[in-house]
Amino acid sequence: MYQRIRDLREDHDITQKFVANLLSFSHTNYAKIERGEVALTADVLV
């Protein structure tokens, strides 16, 4: 799933920083999510 999130972001030429700001995450935490180091919870996905 994490690779799919990254692929979708890259397909639309969106930066990690932009997505992190939309989700109210730090850039570092969002990068960890894309790498699969931090699990996505249902709250975040909703």
C-alpha atoms as a PDB file:
ATOM      1  CA  MET A   1       0.000   0.000   0.000  1.00  0.00           C
ATOM      2  CA  TYR A   2       2.797   2.412   0.851  1.00  0.00           C
ATOM      3  CA  GLN A   3       4.335   2.096  -2.609  1.00  0.00           C
ATOM      4  CA  ARG A   4       0.934   2.823  -4.160  1.00  0.00           C
ATOM      5  CA  ILE A   5       0.615   6.031  -2.134  1.00  0.00           C
ATOM      6  CA  ARG A   6       4.027   7.143  -3.373  1.00  0.00           C
ATOM      7  CA  ASP A   7       3.227   6.189  -6.977  1.00  0.00           C
ATOM      8  CA  LEU A   8      -0.015   8.172  -6.929  1.00  0.00           C
ATOM      9  CA  ARG A   9       1.734  11.210  -5.485  1.00  0.00           C
ATOM     10  CA  GLU A  10       4.509  11.046  -8.074  1.00  0.00           C
ATOM     11  CA  ASP A  11       2.063  10.442 -10.952  1.00  0.00           C
ATOM     12  CA  HIS A  12       0.424  13.768 -10.108  1.00  0.00           C
ATOM     13  CA  ASP A  13       3.738  15.609  -9.594  1.00  0.00           C
ATOM     14  CA  ILE A  14       2.957  16.403  -5.965  1.00  0.00           C
ATOM     15  CA  THR A  15       5.714  16.766  -3.383  1.00  0.00           C
ATOM     16  CA  GLN A  16       5.879  14.992  -0.059  1.00  0.00           C
ATOM     17  CA  LYS A  17       5.945  18.379   1.639  1.00  0.00           C
ATOM     18  CA  PHE A  18       2.668  19.393  -0.028  1.00  0.00           C
ATOM     19  CA  VAL A  19       0.895  16.198   1.027  1.00  0.00           C
ATOM     20  CA  ALA A  20       2.327  16.458   4.540  1.00  0.00           C
ATOM     21  CA  ASN A  21       0.937  19.980   4.857  1.00  0.00           C
ATOM     22  CA  LEU A  22      -2.504  18.854   3.643  1.00  0.00           C
ATOM     23  CA  LEU A  23      -2.559  16.102   6.256  1.00  0.00           C
ATOM     24  CA  SER A  24      -1.094  18.317   8.995  1.00  0.00           C
ATOM     25  CA  PHE A  25       1.967  16.068   9.290  1.00  0.00           C
ATOM     26  CA  SER A  26       5.593  16.997   9.376  1.00  0.00           C
ATOM     27  CA  HIS A  27       7.483  16.237   6.178  1.00  0.00           C
ATOM     28  CA  THR A  28       9.601  13.727   8.103  1.00  0.00           C
ATOM     29  CA  ASN A  29       6.605  11.783   9.382  1.00  0.00           C
ATOM     30  CA  TYR A  30       4.997  11.678   5.960  1.00  0.00           C
ATOM     31  CA  ALA A  31       8.232  10.396   4.419  1.00  0.00           C
ATOM     32  CA  LYS A  32       8.279   7.624   7.033  1.00  0.00           C
ATOM     33  CA  ILE A  33       4.727   6.686   6.076  1.00  0.00           C
ATOM     34  CA  GLU A  34       5.718   6.360   2.418  1.00  0.00           C
ATOM     35  CA  ARG A  35       8.671   4.164   3.377  1.00  0.00           C
ATOM     36  CA  GLY A  36       6.442   1.981   5.555  1.00  0.00           C
ATOM     37  CA  GLU A  37       8.282   2.874   8.763  1.00  0.00           C
ATOM     38  CA  VAL A  38       5.110   4.298  10.352  1.00  0.00           C
ATOM     39  CA  ALA A  39       1.769   2.550  10.073  1.00  0.00           C
ATOM     40  CA  LEU A  40      -1.238   4.400   8.730  1.00  0.00           C
ATOM     41  CA  THR A  41      -4.154   4.325  11.106  1.00  0.00           C
ATOM     42  CA  ALA A  42      -7.795   4.379  10.100  1.00  0.00           C
ATOM     43  CA  ASP A  43      -8.102   7.928  11.496  1.00  0.00           C
ATOM     44  CA  VAL A  44      -5.430   9.190   9.116  1.00  0.00           C
ATOM     45  CA  LEU A  45      -6.965   7.458   6.116  1.00  0.00           C
ATOM     46  CA  VAL A  46     -10.406   8.914   6.790  1.00  0.00           C
END
